[in-house]
Amino acid sequence: MASQLLTGCYTYRISTKAQEGTEIQTRHVNAYFWGLVQSPKAITTPVCDSLNARGMAIVQMKTNLGYSLLTVATLGIWCPMTVQYKCSKPCPLTGPL
């Protein structure tokens, strides 16, 4: 039963042509009151920032049956979701240093 509730129910994936530069990073996010309030308001990417990466290679939004049941049980007041992303490779330095 637990494996059924925790497995992926559906996924939205955004891919770019950028080469992947990191492993998958995961953040858990919540939307409240039918999307009027988000927690966190913005997802920070400290790994990408430390690499000086200029974008994302992949971004995935995931939910599962358990999250969907919570959303239905609360009539949309609470909608949990998982965001996964991979940073792109840093841009190479060009020109004289």
PDB file of N, CA and C in Angstrom:
ATOM      1  N   MET A   1       0.826  -1.196   0.000  1.00  0.00           N
ATOM      2  CA  MET A   1       0.000   0.000   0.000  1.00  0.00           C
ATOM      3  C   MET A   1       0.873   1.264   0.000  1.00  0.00           C
ATOM      4  N   ALA A   2       1.905   1.275   0.851  1.00  0.00           N
ATOM      5  CA  ALA A   2       2.771   2.461   0.928  1.00  0.00           C
ATOM      6  C   ALA A   2       3.489   2.703  -0.390  1.00  0.00           C
ATOM      7  N   SER A   3       3.924   1.645  -1.062  1.00  0.00           N
ATOM      8  CA  SER A   3       4.620   1.833  -2.343  1.00  0.00           C
ATOM      9  C   SER A   3       3.679   2.405  -3.396  1.00  0.00           C
ATOM     10  N   GLN A   4       2.411   2.068  -3.334  1.00  0.00           N
ATOM     11  CA  GLN A   4       1.446   2.623  -4.269  1.00  0.00           C
ATOM     12  C   GLN A   4       1.227   4.114  -4.019  1.00  0.00           C
ATOM     13  N   LEU A   5       1.243   4.508  -2.751  1.00  0.00           N
ATOM     14  CA  LEU A   5       1.019   5.917  -2.423  1.00  0.00           C
ATOM     15  C   LEU A   5       2.227   6.786  -2.713  1.00  0.00           C
ATOM     16  N   LEU A   6       3.436   6.207  -2.686  1.00  0.00           N
ATOM     17  CA  LEU A   6       4.645   7.005  -2.810  1.00  0.00           C
ATOM     18  C   LEU A   6       5.285   6.948  -4.187  1.00  0.00           C
ATOM     19  N   THR A   7       4.769   6.146  -5.086  1.00  0.00           N
ATOM     20  CA  THR A   7       5.341   6.078  -6.427  1.00  0.00           C
ATOM     21  C   THR A   7       4.830   7.236  -7.273  1.00  0.00           C
ATOM     22  N   GLY A   8       5.535   7.530  -8.344  1.00  0.00           N
ATOM     23  CA  GLY A   8       5.170   8.658  -9.198  1.00  0.00           C
ATOM     24  C   GLY A   8       3.832   8.470  -9.868  1.00  0.00           C
ATOM     25  N   CYS A   9       2.990   9.443  -9.756  1.00  0.00           N
ATOM     26  CA  CYS A   9       1.680   9.401 -10.379  1.00  0.00           C
ATOM     27  C   CYS A   9       1.738  10.104 -11.731  1.00  0.00           C
ATOM     28  N   TYR A  10       2.269  11.302 -11.753  1.00  0.00           N
ATOM     29  CA  TYR A  10       2.522  11.979 -13.020  1.00  0.00           C
ATOM     30  C   TYR A  10       3.675  12.954 -12.863  1.00  0.00           C
ATOM     31  N   THR A  11       4.311  13.252 -13.979  1.00  0.00           N
ATOM     32  CA  THR A  11       5.493  14.096 -13.995  1.00  0.00           C
ATOM     33  C   THR A  11       5.414  15.058 -15.163  1.00  0.00           C
ATOM     34  N   TYR A  12       5.779  16.311 -14.929  1.00  0.00           N
ATOM     35  CA  TYR A  12       5.975  17.281 -15.998  1.00  0.00           C
ATOM     36  C   TYR A  12       7.464  17.518 -16.094  1.00  0.00           C
ATOM     37  N   ARG A  13       8.034  17.430 -17.283  1.00  0.00           N
ATOM     38  CA  ARG A  13       9.484  17.584 -17.449  1.00  0.00           C
ATOM     39  C   ARG A  13       9.771  18.645 -18.496  1.00  0.00           C
ATOM     40  N   ILE A  14      10.658  19.563 -18.138  1.00  0.00           N
ATOM     41  CA  ILE A  14      11.115  20.587 -19.068  1.00  0.00           C
ATOM     42  C   ILE A  14      12.588  20.313 -19.320  1.00  0.00           C
ATOM     43  N   SER A  15      12.955  20.082 -20.562  1.00  0.00           N
ATOM     44  CA  SER A  15      14.344  19.818 -20.916  1.00  0.00           C
ATOM     45  C   SER A  15      14.845  20.914 -21.843  1.00  0.00           C
ATOM     46  N   THR A  16      16.121  21.218 -21.732  1.00  0.00           N
ATOM     47  CA  THR A  16      16.748  22.182 -22.632  1.00  0.00           C
ATOM     48  C   THR A  16      17.876  21.478 -23.367  1.00  0.00           C
ATOM     49  N   LYS A  17      18.520  22.171 -24.270  1.00  0.00           N
ATOM     50  CA  LYS A  17      19.639  21.593 -24.999  1.00  0.00           C
ATOM     51  C   LYS A  17      20.955  21.744 -24.236  1.00  0.00           C
ATOM     52  N   ALA A  18      20.892  22.359 -23.055  1.00  0.00           N
ATOM     53  CA  ALA A  18      22.100  22.538 -22.237  1.00  0.00           C
ATOM     54  C   ALA A  18      22.578  21.185 -21.721  1.00  0.00           C
ATOM     55  N   GLN A  19      23.887  21.022 -21.636  1.00  0.00           N
ATOM     56  CA  GLN A  19      24.448  19.791 -21.095  1.00  0.00           C
ATOM     57  C   GLN A  19      24.277  19.778 -19.579  1.00  0.00           C
ATOM     58  N   GLU A  20      23.975  18.583 -19.062  1.00  0.00           N
ATOM     59  CA  GLU A  20      23.788  18.444 -17.628  1.00  0.00           C
ATOM     60  C   GLU A  20      25.126  18.596 -16.910  1.00  0.00           C
ATOM     61  N   GLY A  21      25.131  19.386 -15.835  1.00  0.00           N
ATOM     62  CA  GLY A  21      26.368  19.626 -15.119  1.00  0.00           C
ATOM     63  C   GLY A  21      26.364  19.110 -13.689  1.00  0.00           C
ATOM     64  N   THR A  22      25.200  18.698 -13.161  1.00  0.00           N
ATOM     65  CA  THR A  22      25.115  18.224 -11.785  1.00  0.00           C
ATOM     66  C   THR A  22      24.189  17.029 -11.698  1.00  0.00           C
ATOM     67  N   GLU A  23      24.165  16.430 -10.530  1.00  0.00           N
ATOM     68  CA  GLU A  23      23.197  15.379 -10.244  1.00  0.00           C
ATOM     69  C   GLU A  23      21.846  16.035  -9.983  1.00  0.00           C
ATOM     70  N   ILE A  24      20.804  15.220  -9.903  1.00  0.00           N
ATOM     71  CA  ILE A  24      19.461  15.738  -9.642  1.00  0.00           C
ATOM     72  C   ILE A  24      19.399  16.324  -8.236  1.00  0.00           C
ATOM     73  N   GLN A  25      18.881  17.530  -8.133  1.00  0.00           N
ATOM     74  CA  GLN A  25      18.625  18.207  -6.867  1.00  0.00           C
ATOM     75  C   GLN A  25      17.117  18.171  -6.643  1.00  0.00           C
ATOM     76  N   THR A  26      16.685  17.926  -5.409  1.00  0.00           N
ATOM     77  CA  THR A  26      15.263  17.781  -5.115  1.00  0.00           C
ATOM     78  C   THR A  26      14.818  18.798  -4.085  1.00  0.00           C
ATOM     79  N   ARG A  27      13.656  19.397  -4.297  1.00  0.00           N
ATOM     80  CA  ARG A  27      13.025  20.309  -3.355  1.00  0.00           C
ATOM     81  C   ARG A  27      11.552  19.909  -3.234  1.00  0.00           C
ATOM     82  N   HIS A  28      11.028  19.976  -2.021  1.00  0.00           N
ATOM     83  CA  HIS A  28       9.607  19.720  -1.792  1.00  0.00           C
ATOM     84  C   HIS A  28       8.920  21.071  -1.644  1.00  0.00           C
ATOM     85  N   VAL A  29       7.856  21.267  -2.392  1.00  0.00           N
ATOM     86  CA  VAL A  29       7.156  22.543  -2.396  1.00  0.00           C
ATOM     87  C   VAL A  29       5.676  22.310  -2.111  1.00  0.00           C
ATOM     88  N   ASN A  30       4.993  23.372  -1.713  1.00  0.00           N
ATOM     89  CA  ASN A  30       3.573  23.307  -1.402  1.00  0.00           C
ATOM     90  C   ASN A  30       2.868  24.514  -1.999  1.00  0.00           C
ATOM     91  N   ALA A  31       1.665  24.270  -2.458  1.00  0.00           N
ATOM     92  CA  ALA A  31       0.790  25.365  -2.873  1.00  0.00           C
ATOM     93  C   ALA A  31      -0.443  25.316  -1.977  1.00  0.00           C
ATOM     94  N   TYR A  32      -0.862  26.475  -1.517  1.00  0.00           N
ATOM     95  CA  TYR A  32      -2.017  26.553  -0.632  1.00  0.00           C
ATOM     96  C   TYR A  32      -3.105  27.404  -1.275  1.00  0.00           C
ATOM     97  N   PHE A  33      -4.333  27.110  -0.916  1.00  0.00           N
ATOM     98  CA  PHE A  33      -5.487  27.877  -1.371  1.00  0.00           C
ATOM     99  C   PHE A  33      -5.513  27.999  -2.891  1.00  0.00           C
ATOM    100  N   TRP A  34      -5.490  26.850  -3.543  1.00  0.00           N
ATOM    101  CA  TRP A  34      -5.633  26.718  -4.994  1.00  0.00           C
ATOM    102  C   TRP A  34      -4.555  27.486  -5.762  1.00  0.00           C
ATOM    103  N   GLY A  35      -3.349  27.525  -5.202  1.00  0.00           N
ATOM    104  CA  GLY A  35      -2.216  28.151  -5.872  1.00  0.00           C
ATOM    105  C   GLY A  35      -2.015  29.616  -5.554  1.00  0.00           C
ATOM    106  N   LEU A  36      -2.845  30.181  -4.685  1.00  0.00           N
ATOM    107  CA  LEU A  36      -2.697  31.602  -4.360  1.00  0.00           C
ATOM    108  C   LEU A  36      -1.458  31.875  -3.512  1.00  0.00           C
ATOM    109  N   VAL A  37      -1.035  30.884  -2.711  1.00  0.00           N
ATOM    110  CA  VAL A  37       0.139  31.034  -1.851  1.00  0.00           C
ATOM    111  C   VAL A  37       1.060  29.848  -2.120  1.00  0.00           C
ATOM    112  N   GLN A  38       2.339  30.129  -2.358  1.00  0.00           N
ATOM    113  CA  GLN A  38       3.319  29.074  -2.578  1.00  0.00           C
ATOM    114  C   GLN A  38       4.343  29.098  -1.448  1.00  0.00           C
ATOM    115  N   SER A  39       4.791  27.908  -1.069  1.00  0.00           N
ATOM    116  CA  SER A  39       5.831  27.788  -0.058  1.00  0.00           C
ATOM    117  C   SER A  39       6.861  26.783  -0.546  1.00  0.00           C
ATOM    118  N   PRO A  40       8.074  27.201  -0.796  1.00  0.00           N
ATOM    119  CA  PRO A  40       8.617  28.553  -0.738  1.00  0.00           C
ATOM    120  C   PRO A  40       8.140  29.386  -1.934  1.00  0.00           C
ATOM    121  N   LYS A  41       8.232  30.706  -1.819  1.00  0.00           N
ATOM    122  CA  LYS A  41       7.802  31.581  -2.915  1.00  0.00           C
ATOM    123  C   LYS A  41       8.697  31.429  -4.130  1.00  0.00           C
ATOM    124  N   ALA A  42       9.987  31.217  -3.903  1.00  0.00           N
ATOM    125  CA  ALA A  42      10.947  31.001  -4.986  1.00  0.00           C
ATOM    126  C   ALA A  42      11.871  29.867  -4.564  1.00  0.00           C
ATOM    127  N   ILE A  43      12.220  29.033  -5.499  1.00  0.00           N
ATOM    128  CA  ILE A  43      13.126  27.922  -5.219  1.00  0.00           C
ATOM    129  C   ILE A  43      14.541  28.393  -5.510  1.00  0.00           C
ATOM    130  N   THR A  44      15.386  28.344  -4.497  1.00  0.00           N
ATOM    131  CA  THR A  44      16.777  28.749  -4.679  1.00  0.00           C
ATOM    132  C   THR A  44      17.593  27.566  -5.183  1.00  0.00           C
ATOM    133  N   THR A  45      18.661  27.878  -5.878  1.00  0.00           N
ATOM    134  CA  THR A  45      19.516  26.838  -6.456  1.00  0.00           C
ATOM    135  C   THR A  45      20.961  27.073  -6.027  1.00  0.00           C
ATOM    136  N   PRO A  46      21.292  26.803  -4.762  1.00  0.00           N
ATOM    137  CA  PRO A  46      22.641  27.092  -4.287  1.00  0.00           C
ATOM    138  C   PRO A  46      23.722  26.305  -5.022  1.00  0.00           C
ATOM    139  N   VAL A  47      23.427  25.091  -5.450  1.00  0.00           N
ATOM    140  CA  VAL A  47      24.430  24.296  -6.173  1.00  0.00           C
ATOM    141  C   VAL A  47      24.738  24.952  -7.515  1.00  0.00           C
ATOM    142  N   CYS A  48      23.710  25.354  -8.251  1.00  0.00           N
ATOM    143  CA  CYS A  48      23.918  26.014  -9.543  1.00  0.00           C
ATOM    144  C   CYS A  48      24.649  27.339  -9.361  1.00  0.00           C
ATOM    145  N   ASP A  49      24.281  28.072  -8.318  1.00  0.00           N
ATOM    146  CA  ASP A  49      24.924  29.363  -8.063  1.00  0.00           C
ATOM    147  C   ASP A  49      26.399  29.190  -7.735  1.00  0.00           C
ATOM    148  N   SER A  50      26.743  28.154  -6.959  1.00  0.00           N
ATOM    149  CA  SER A  50      28.143  27.943  -6.593  1.00  0.00           C
ATOM    150  C   SER A  50      28.980  27.525  -7.799  1.00  0.00           C
ATOM    151  N   LEU A  51      28.357  26.897  -8.792  1.00  0.00           N
ATOM    152  CA  LEU A  51      29.068  26.493 -10.009  1.00  0.00           C
ATOM    153  C   LEU A  51      29.095  27.597 -11.053  1.00  0.00           C
ATOM    154  N   ASN A  52      28.382  28.697 -10.800  1.00  0.00           N
ATOM    155  CA  ASN A  52      28.232  29.784 -11.758  1.00  0.00           C
ATOM    156  C   ASN A  52      27.561  29.292 -13.044  1.00  0.00           C
ATOM    157  N   ALA A  53      26.628  28.341 -12.875  1.00  0.00           N
ATOM    158  CA  ALA A  53      25.876  27.815 -14.016  1.00  0.00           C
ATOM    159  C   ALA A  53      24.846  28.849 -14.445  1.00  0.00           C
ATOM    160  N   ARG A  54      24.620  28.963 -15.725  1.00  0.00           N
ATOM    161  CA  ARG A  54      23.716  29.971 -16.269  1.00  0.00           C
ATOM    162  C   ARG A  54      22.397  29.372 -16.732  1.00  0.00           C
ATOM    163  N   GLY A  55      21.887  28.412 -16.006  1.00  0.00           N
ATOM    164  CA  GLY A  55      20.596  27.866 -16.383  1.00  0.00           C
ATOM    165  C   GLY A  55      20.422  26.440 -15.912  1.00  0.00           C
ATOM    166  N   MET A  56      19.327  25.863 -16.344  1.00  0.00           N
ATOM    167  CA  MET A  56      18.971  24.508 -15.969  1.00  0.00           C
ATOM    168  C   MET A  56      19.015  23.611 -17.198  1.00  0.00           C
ATOM    169  N   ALA A  57      19.405  22.373 -16.983  1.00  0.00           N
ATOM    170  CA  ALA A  57      19.359  21.388 -18.056  1.00  0.00           C
ATOM    171  C   ALA A  57      18.011  20.673 -18.040  1.00  0.00           C
ATOM    172  N   ILE A  58      17.512  20.364 -16.845  1.00  0.00           N
ATOM    173  CA  ILE A  58      16.231  19.655 -16.698  1.00  0.00           C
ATOM    174  C   ILE A  58      15.508  20.202 -15.471  1.00  0.00           C
ATOM    175  N   VAL A  59      14.194  20.354 -15.581  1.00  0.00           N
ATOM    176  CA  VAL A  59      13.337  20.666 -14.443  1.00  0.00           C
ATOM    177  C   VAL A  59      12.145  19.714 -14.523  1.00  0.00           C
ATOM    178  N   GLN A  60      11.853  19.020 -13.420  1.00  0.00           N
ATOM    179  CA  GLN A  60      10.720  18.089 -13.372  1.00  0.00           C
ATOM    180  C   GLN A  60       9.827  18.444 -12.192  1.00  0.00           C
ATOM    181  N   MET A  61       8.539  18.448 -12.412  1.00  0.00           N
ATOM    182  CA  MET A  61       7.543  18.625 -11.361  1.00  0.00           C
ATOM    183  C   MET A  61       6.865  17.269 -11.192  1.00  0.00           C
ATOM    184  N   LYS A  62       6.902  16.727  -9.966  1.00  0.00           N
ATOM    185  CA  LYS A  62       6.361  15.390  -9.723  1.00  0.00           C
ATOM    186  C   LYS A  62       5.321  15.409  -8.622  1.00  0.00           C
ATOM    187  N   THR A  63       4.354  14.536  -8.764  1.00  0.00           N
ATOM    188  CA  THR A  63       3.386  14.272  -7.709  1.00  0.00           C
ATOM    189  C   THR A  63       3.165  12.773  -7.674  1.00  0.00           C
ATOM    190  N   ASN A  64       2.548  12.288  -6.618  1.00  0.00           N
ATOM    191  CA  ASN A  64       2.245  10.871  -6.524  1.00  0.00           C
ATOM    192  C   ASN A  64       0.826  10.702  -6.013  1.00  0.00           C
ATOM    193  N   LEU A  65       0.408   9.466  -5.870  1.00  0.00           N
ATOM    194  CA  LEU A  65      -0.970   9.202  -5.464  1.00  0.00           C
ATOM    195  C   LEU A  65      -1.253   9.772  -4.081  1.00  0.00           C
ATOM    196  N   GLY A  66      -0.301   9.655  -3.160  1.00  0.00           N
ATOM    197  CA  GLY A  66      -0.491  10.197  -1.812  1.00  0.00           C
ATOM    198  C   GLY A  66      -0.685  11.702  -1.831  1.00  0.00           C
ATOM    199  N   TYR A  67       0.159  12.415  -2.608  1.00  0.00           N
ATOM    200  CA  TYR A  67       0.010  13.863  -2.736  1.00  0.00           C
ATOM    201  C   TYR A  67      -1.334  14.221  -3.372  1.00  0.00           C
ATOM    202  N   SER A  68      -1.735  13.459  -4.361  1.00  0.00           N
ATOM    203  CA  SER A  68      -3.015  13.726  -5.026  1.00  0.00           C
ATOM    204  C   SER A  68      -4.181  13.521  -4.071  1.00  0.00           C
ATOM    205  N   LEU A  69      -4.106  12.468  -3.246  1.00  0.00           N
ATOM    206  CA  LEU A  69      -5.174  12.226  -2.273  1.00  0.00           C
ATOM    207  C   LEU A  69      -5.244  13.354  -1.242  1.00  0.00           C
ATOM    208  N   LEU A  70      -4.083  13.866  -0.815  1.00  0.00           N
ATOM    209  CA  LEU A  70      -4.083  15.002   0.108  1.00  0.00           C
ATOM    210  C   LEU A  70      -4.717  16.233  -0.522  1.00  0.00           C
ATOM    211  N   THR A  71      -4.418  16.466  -1.781  1.00  0.00           N
ATOM    212  CA  THR A  71      -4.991  17.615  -2.479  1.00  0.00           C
ATOM    213  C   THR A  71      -6.502  17.478  -2.584  1.00  0.00           C
ATOM    214  N   VAL A  72      -6.989  16.284  -2.917  1.00  0.00           N
ATOM    215  CA  VAL A  72      -8.434  16.054  -3.036  1.00  0.00           C
ATOM    216  C   VAL A  72      -9.095  16.133  -1.661  1.00  0.00           C
ATOM    217  N   ALA A  73      -8.480  15.525  -0.639  1.00  0.00           N
ATOM    218  CA  ALA A  73      -9.065  15.519   0.710  1.00  0.00           C
ATOM    219  C   ALA A  73      -9.188  16.921   1.283  1.00  0.00           C
ATOM    220  N   THR A  74      -8.264  17.810   0.928  1.00  0.00           N
ATOM    221  CA  THR A  74      -8.321  19.192   1.426  1.00  0.00           C
ATOM    222  C   THR A  74      -9.029  20.121   0.445  1.00  0.00           C
ATOM    223  N   LEU A  75      -9.629  19.549  -0.580  1.00  0.00           N
ATOM    224  CA  LEU A  75     -10.357  20.323  -1.607  1.00  0.00           C
ATOM    225  C   LEU A  75      -9.462  21.359  -2.281  1.00  0.00           C
ATOM    226  N   GLY A  76      -8.192  21.026  -2.433  1.00  0.00           N
ATOM    227  CA  GLY A  76      -7.254  21.916  -3.117  1.00  0.00           C
ATOM    228  C   GLY A  76      -6.611  22.957  -2.230  1.00  0.00           C
ATOM    229  N   ILE A  77      -6.930  22.953  -0.944  1.00  0.00           N
ATOM    230  CA  ILE A  77      -6.337  23.945  -0.047  1.00  0.00           C
ATOM    231  C   ILE A  77      -4.848  23.678   0.132  1.00  0.00           C
ATOM    232  N   TRP A  78      -4.427  22.414   0.122  1.00  0.00           N
ATOM    233  CA  TRP A  78      -3.002  22.060   0.239  1.00  0.00           C
ATOM    234  C   TRP A  78      -2.642  21.144  -0.910  1.00  0.00           C
ATOM    235  N   CYS A  79      -1.643  21.536  -1.679  1.00  0.00           N
ATOM    236  CA  CYS A  79      -1.188  20.741  -2.821  1.00  0.00           C
ATOM    237  C   CYS A  79       0.332  20.584  -2.745  1.00  0.00           C
ATOM    238  N   PRO A  80       0.811  19.460  -2.175  1.00  0.00           N
ATOM    239  CA  PRO A  80       2.255  19.241  -2.132  1.00  0.00           C
ATOM    240  C   PRO A  80       2.777  18.723  -3.468  1.00  0.00           C
ATOM    241  N   MET A  81       4.046  18.982  -3.754  1.00  0.00           N
ATOM    242  CA  MET A  81       4.671  18.553  -5.003  1.00  0.00           C
ATOM    243  C   MET A  81       6.176  18.477  -4.797  1.00  0.00           C
ATOM    244  N   THR A  82       6.843  17.725  -5.656  1.00  0.00           N
ATOM    245  CA  THR A  82       8.294  17.613  -5.622  1.00  0.00           C
ATOM    246  C   THR A  82       8.857  18.225  -6.900  1.00  0.00           C
ATOM    247  N   VAL A  83       9.873  19.064  -6.759  1.00  0.00           N
ATOM    248  CA  VAL A  83      10.554  19.664  -7.901  1.00  0.00           C
ATOM    249  C   VAL A  83      11.966  19.089  -7.951  1.00  0.00           C
ATOM    250  N   GLN A  84      12.365  18.575  -9.109  1.00  0.00           N
ATOM    251  CA  GLN A  84      13.719  18.075  -9.304  1.00  0.00           C
ATOM    252  C   GLN A  84      14.337  18.848 -10.459  1.00  0.00           C
ATOM    253  N   TYR A  85      15.644  19.154 -10.329  1.00  0.00           N
ATOM    254  CA  TYR A  85      16.310  19.896 -11.399  1.00  0.00           C
ATOM    255  C   TYR A  85      17.769  19.482 -11.489  1.00  0.00           C
ATOM    256  N   LYS A  86      18.346  19.724 -12.653  1.00  0.00           N
ATOM    257  CA  LYS A  86      19.773  19.554 -12.884  1.00  0.00           C
ATOM    258  C   LYS A  86      20.304  20.857 -13.451  1.00  0.00           C
ATOM    259  N   CYS A  87      21.396  21.339 -12.893  1.00  0.00           N
ATOM    260  CA  CYS A  87      22.022  22.559 -13.395  1.00  0.00           C
ATOM    261  C   CYS A  87      22.718  22.261 -14.714  1.00  0.00           C
ATOM    262  N   SER A  88      22.850  23.273 -15.537  1.00  0.00           N
ATOM    263  CA  SER A  88      23.617  23.108 -16.770  1.00  0.00           C
ATOM    264  C   SER A  88      25.101  23.262 -16.452  1.00  0.00           C
ATOM    265  N   LYS A  89      25.938  22.845 -17.395  1.00  0.00           N
ATOM    266  CA  LYS A  89      27.382  23.009 -17.209  1.00  0.00           C
ATOM    267  C   LYS A  89      27.710  24.499 -17.239  1.00  0.00           C
ATOM    268  N   PRO A  90      28.681  24.920 -16.429  1.00  0.00           N
ATOM    269  CA  PRO A  90      29.081  26.337 -16.464  1.00  0.00           C
ATOM    270  C   PRO A  90      29.626  26.714 -17.838  1.00  0.00           C
ATOM    271  N   CYS A  91      29.434  27.958 -18.204  1.00  0.00           N
ATOM    272  CA  CYS A  91      29.958  28.449 -19.471  1.00  0.00           C
ATOM    273  C   CYS A  91      31.472  28.554 -19.382  1.00  0.00           C
ATOM    274  N   PRO A  92      32.185  28.119 -20.426  1.00  0.00           N
ATOM    275  CA  PRO A  92      33.637  28.244 -20.396  1.00  0.00           C
ATOM    276  C   PRO A  92      34.067  29.695 -20.534  1.00  0.00           C
ATOM    277  N   LEU A  93      35.158  30.025 -19.892  1.00  0.00           N
ATOM    278  CA  LEU A  93      35.698  31.381 -20.010  1.00  0.00           C
ATOM    279  C   LEU A  93      36.327  31.556 -21.385  1.00  0.00           C
ATOM    280  N   THR A  94      36.097  32.690 -22.003  1.00  0.00           N
ATOM    281  CA  THR A  94      36.681  32.971 -23.307  1.00  0.00           C
ATOM    282  C   THR A  94      37.439  34.288 -23.229  1.00  0.00           C
ATOM    283  N   GLY A  95      38.401  34.427 -24.082  1.00  0.00           N
ATOM    284  CA  GLY A  95      39.163  35.672 -24.123  1.00  0.00           C
ATOM    285  C   GLY A  95      40.321  35.666 -23.144  1.00  0.00           C
ATOM    286  N   PRO A  96      41.119  36.726 -23.191  1.00  0.00           N
ATOM    287  CA  PRO A  96      42.274  36.813 -22.289  1.00  0.00           C
ATOM    288  C   PRO A  96      41.825  37.029 -20.844  1.00  0.00           C
ATOM    289  N   LEU A  97      42.576  36.459 -19.948  1.00  0.00           N
ATOM    290  CA  LEU A  97      42.249  36.623 -18.525  1.00  0.00           C
ATOM    291  C   LEU A  97      42.902  37.828 -17.978  1.00  0.00           C
TER     292      LEU A  97
END
